[in-house]
Amino acid sequence: MPEDIDQLGHVNNVVYLRWVQEAAIAHWTAKASPEAQAALFWVVVRHEIDYRRPALPGDRIIARTWVGPAGPRSFERNTEILRASDRALLARARTLWCPMDRRTGRPAAVSDEVRAAFATGPA
């Protein structure tokens, strides 16, 4: 979209953040059980993004995401943003997410089911 392009003719950095969030939501929706989705929502605690190459108007983008180490109240999620035509790495993000209880709106413990489906190791 034209509004996603910055003054340098590149995709604006904020758009990368949107892609990171969209990838996380798609992964959660595709992999978590309906019960887990009904019990939890996630909030971002921290984003770190390393920009490698610019995305340009017309570039098709691939977002790959996976969950890394999990602590008692946080999950690390990694995301790579790639240009589809040559699979060049455009950006790499590391995000810490906190699970929240939908009923109380407070930080929540993560069930063994969710931990087994997503976590790859201790924080």
C-alpha atoms as a PDB file:
ATOM      1  CA  MET A   1       0.000   0.000   0.000  1.00  0.00           C
ATOM      2  CA  PRO A   2       1.344   3.463  -0.749  1.00  0.00           C
ATOM      3  CA  GLU A   3       1.022   4.567   2.878  1.00  0.00           C
ATOM      4  CA  ASP A   4       3.437   1.764   3.883  1.00  0.00           C
ATOM      5  CA  ILE A   5       6.295   3.361   1.907  1.00  0.00           C
ATOM      6  CA  ASP A   6       8.606   5.818   3.686  1.00  0.00           C
ATOM      7  CA  GLN A   7      10.476   8.863   2.342  1.00  0.00           C
ATOM      8  CA  LEU A   8      13.338   6.643   1.096  1.00  0.00           C
ATOM      9  CA  GLY A   9      11.029   4.529  -1.049  1.00  0.00           C
ATOM     10  CA  HIS A  10      11.278   1.526   1.318  1.00  0.00           C
ATOM     11  CA  VAL A  11       8.611  -0.224   3.327  1.00  0.00           C
ATOM     12  CA  ASN A  12       8.387   1.657   6.634  1.00  0.00           C
ATOM     13  CA  ASN A  13       9.819  -0.023   9.731  1.00  0.00           C
ATOM     14  CA  VAL A  14       6.421   0.011  11.430  1.00  0.00           C
ATOM     15  CA  VAL A  15       5.100  -2.277   8.695  1.00  0.00           C
ATOM     16  CA  TYR A  16       7.703  -4.916   9.612  1.00  0.00           C
ATOM     17  CA  LEU A  17       6.306  -4.825  13.132  1.00  0.00           C
ATOM     18  CA  ARG A  18       2.818  -5.396  11.755  1.00  0.00           C
ATOM     19  CA  TRP A  19       4.098  -8.400   9.775  1.00  0.00           C
ATOM     20  CA  VAL A  20       5.709  -9.826  12.930  1.00  0.00           C
ATOM     21  CA  GLN A  21       2.421  -9.504  14.801  1.00  0.00           C
ATOM     22  CA  GLU A  22       0.360 -10.949  11.946  1.00  0.00           C
ATOM     23  CA  ALA A  23       2.681 -13.970  11.721  1.00  0.00           C
ATOM     24  CA  ALA A  24       2.400 -14.570  15.472  1.00  0.00           C
ATOM     25  CA  ILE A  25      -1.396 -14.369  15.398  1.00  0.00           C
ATOM     26  CA  ALA A  26      -1.620 -16.689  12.384  1.00  0.00           C
ATOM     27  CA  HIS A  27       0.679 -19.240  14.057  1.00  0.00           C
ATOM     28  CA  TRP A  28      -1.289 -19.149  17.335  1.00  0.00           C
ATOM     29  CA  THR A  29      -4.623 -19.439  15.514  1.00  0.00           C
ATOM     30  CA  ALA A  30      -3.432 -22.344  13.353  1.00  0.00           C
ATOM     31  CA  LYS A  31      -1.738 -24.361  16.089  1.00  0.00           C
ATOM     32  CA  ALA A  32      -3.481 -23.671  19.414  1.00  0.00           C
ATOM     33  CA  SER A  33      -6.559 -25.617  20.401  1.00  0.00           C
ATOM     34  CA  PRO A  34      -9.915 -23.805  20.530  1.00  0.00           C
ATOM     35  CA  GLU A  35      -9.814 -24.230  24.330  1.00  0.00           C
ATOM     36  CA  ALA A  36      -6.399 -22.555  24.586  1.00  0.00           C
ATOM     37  CA  GLN A  37      -7.539 -19.731  22.322  1.00  0.00           C
ATOM     38  CA  ALA A  38     -10.635 -19.246  24.486  1.00  0.00           C
ATOM     39  CA  ALA A  39      -8.541 -19.155  27.679  1.00  0.00           C
ATOM     40  CA  LEU A  40      -5.581 -16.967  26.627  1.00  0.00           C
ATOM     41  CA  PHE A  41      -4.619 -13.889  24.708  1.00  0.00           C
ATOM     42  CA  TRP A  42      -1.101 -12.528  24.316  1.00  0.00           C
ATOM     43  CA  VAL A  43       0.510  -9.132  24.836  1.00  0.00           C
ATOM     44  CA  VAL A  44       3.932  -8.002  23.710  1.00  0.00           C
ATOM     45  CA  VAL A  45       6.467  -7.263  26.419  1.00  0.00           C
ATOM     46  CA  ARG A  46       9.431  -6.510  24.129  1.00  0.00           C
ATOM     47  CA  HIS A  47      10.298  -6.321  20.422  1.00  0.00           C
ATOM     48  CA  GLU A  48      13.808  -6.432  18.954  1.00  0.00           C
ATOM     49  CA  ILE A  49      14.154  -6.118  15.186  1.00  0.00           C
ATOM     50  CA  ASP A  50      17.331  -6.283  13.132  1.00  0.00           C
ATOM     51  CA  TYR A  51      16.824  -4.835   9.663  1.00  0.00           C
ATOM     52  CA  ARG A  52      19.061  -6.425   6.997  1.00  0.00           C
ATOM     53  CA  ARG A  53      17.687  -5.226   3.639  1.00  0.00           C
ATOM     54  CA  PRO A  54      14.819  -2.967   2.649  1.00  0.00           C
ATOM     55  CA  ALA A  55      11.524  -4.252   1.356  1.00  0.00           C
ATOM     56  CA  LEU A  56      10.532  -2.285  -1.720  1.00  0.00           C
ATOM     57  CA  PRO A  57       7.191  -1.519  -3.322  1.00  0.00           C
ATOM     58  CA  GLY A  58       5.966  -4.607  -5.152  1.00  0.00           C
ATOM     59  CA  ASP A  59       8.059  -7.072  -3.129  1.00  0.00           C
ATOM     60  CA  ARG A  60       6.170 -10.166  -2.039  1.00  0.00           C
ATOM     61  CA  ILE A  61       7.010 -11.063   1.548  1.00  0.00           C
ATOM     62  CA  ILE A  62       7.233 -14.328   3.478  1.00  0.00           C
ATOM     63  CA  ALA A  63       7.105 -14.304   7.273  1.00  0.00           C
ATOM     64  CA  ARG A  64       8.457 -17.377   9.083  1.00  0.00           C
ATOM     65  CA  THR A  65       7.911 -17.669  12.810  1.00  0.00           C
ATOM     66  CA  TRP A  66       8.697 -20.103  15.593  1.00  0.00           C
ATOM     67  CA  VAL A  67       8.561 -20.054  19.371  1.00  0.00           C
ATOM     68  CA  GLY A  68      11.789 -20.244  21.318  1.00  0.00           C
ATOM     69  CA  PRO A  69      12.398 -20.609  25.050  1.00  0.00           C
ATOM     70  CA  ALA A  70       9.468 -20.177  27.410  1.00  0.00           C
ATOM     71  CA  GLY A  71       9.550 -18.890  30.957  1.00  0.00           C
ATOM     72  CA  PRO A  72       6.796 -19.012  33.558  1.00  0.00           C
ATOM     73  CA  ARG A  73       5.146 -15.848  32.189  1.00  0.00           C
ATOM     74  CA  SER A  74       6.766 -15.255  28.811  1.00  0.00           C
ATOM     75  CA  PHE A  75       7.381 -16.923  25.489  1.00  0.00           C
ATOM     76  CA  GLU A  76      10.080 -15.874  23.070  1.00  0.00           C
ATOM     77  CA  ARG A  77       8.937 -15.761  19.459  1.00  0.00           C
ATOM     78  CA  ASN A  78      11.301 -15.410  16.528  1.00  0.00           C
ATOM     79  CA  THR A  79      10.292 -14.154  13.116  1.00  0.00           C
ATOM     80  CA  GLU A  80      12.138 -13.789   9.846  1.00  0.00           C
ATOM     81  CA  ILE A  81      10.864 -11.552   7.078  1.00  0.00           C
ATOM     82  CA  LEU A  82      12.029 -12.765   3.657  1.00  0.00           C
ATOM     83  CA  ARG A  83      11.627 -11.427   0.136  1.00  0.00           C
ATOM     84  CA  ALA A  84       9.709 -14.155  -1.724  1.00  0.00           C
ATOM     85  CA  SER A  85      11.529 -13.827  -5.057  1.00  0.00           C
ATOM     86  CA  ASP A  86      15.001 -14.726  -3.762  1.00  0.00           C
ATOM     87  CA  ARG A  87      14.394 -15.668  -0.104  1.00  0.00           C
ATOM     88  CA  ALA A  88      16.712 -12.813   0.981  1.00  0.00           C
ATOM     89  CA  LEU A  89      16.501 -12.071   4.695  1.00  0.00           C
ATOM     90  CA  LEU A  90      15.042  -8.595   5.119  1.00  0.00           C
ATOM     91  CA  ALA A  91      14.609  -8.566   8.891  1.00  0.00           C
ATOM     92  CA  ARG A  92      14.808 -10.795  11.931  1.00  0.00           C
ATOM     93  CA  ALA A  93      12.716 -10.139  15.046  1.00  0.00           C
ATOM     94  CA  ARG A  94      12.743 -11.488  18.587  1.00  0.00           C
ATOM     95  CA  THR A  95       9.606 -10.751  20.585  1.00  0.00           C
ATOM     96  CA  LEU A  96       8.707 -11.586  24.169  1.00  0.00           C
ATOM     97  CA  TRP A  97       5.017 -12.296  24.647  1.00  0.00           C
ATOM     98  CA  CYS A  98       3.137 -12.613  27.939  1.00  0.00           C
ATOM     99  CA  PRO A  99       0.089 -14.905  28.113  1.00  0.00           C
ATOM    100  CA  MET A 100      -2.996 -13.269  29.619  1.00  0.00           C
ATOM    101  CA  ASP A 101      -6.076 -14.884  31.122  1.00  0.00           C
ATOM    102  CA  ARG A 102      -9.158 -13.858  29.118  1.00  0.00           C
ATOM    103  CA  ARG A 103     -11.388 -13.956  32.212  1.00  0.00           C
ATOM    104  CA  THR A 104      -9.249 -11.826  34.510  1.00  0.00           C
ATOM    105  CA  GLY A 105      -7.120  -9.837  32.079  1.00  0.00           C
ATOM    106  CA  ARG A 106      -4.066 -10.718  34.172  1.00  0.00           C
ATOM    107  CA  PRO A 107      -0.869 -12.632  33.335  1.00  0.00           C
ATOM    108  CA  ALA A 108      -1.602 -16.335  33.173  1.00  0.00           C
ATOM    109  CA  ALA A 109       0.153 -19.607  33.626  1.00  0.00           C
ATOM    110  CA  VAL A 110       0.415 -21.527  30.396  1.00  0.00           C
ATOM    111  CA  SER A 111      -1.060 -25.011  30.275  1.00  0.00           C
ATOM    112  CA  ASP A 112       1.138 -28.030  29.642  1.00  0.00           C
ATOM    113  CA  GLU A 113      -0.758 -28.467  26.348  1.00  0.00           C
ATOM    114  CA  VAL A 114       0.236 -25.005  25.083  1.00  0.00           C
ATOM    115  CA  ARG A 115       3.758 -25.357  26.397  1.00  0.00           C
ATOM    116  CA  ALA A 116       4.167 -28.716  24.617  1.00  0.00           C
ATOM    117  CA  ALA A 117       2.729 -27.364  21.351  1.00  0.00           C
ATOM    118  CA  PHE A 118       4.805 -24.186  21.209  1.00  0.00           C
ATOM    119  CA  ALA A 119       7.830 -24.027  23.537  1.00  0.00           C
ATOM    120  CA  THR A 120      11.222 -25.288  22.444  1.00  0.00           C
ATOM    121  CA  GLY A 121      13.032 -24.983  25.770  1.00  0.00           C
ATOM    122  CA  PRO A 122      13.447 -23.046  29.018  1.00  0.00           C
ATOM    123  CA  ALA A 123      14.068 -19.303  29.034  1.00  0.00           C
END
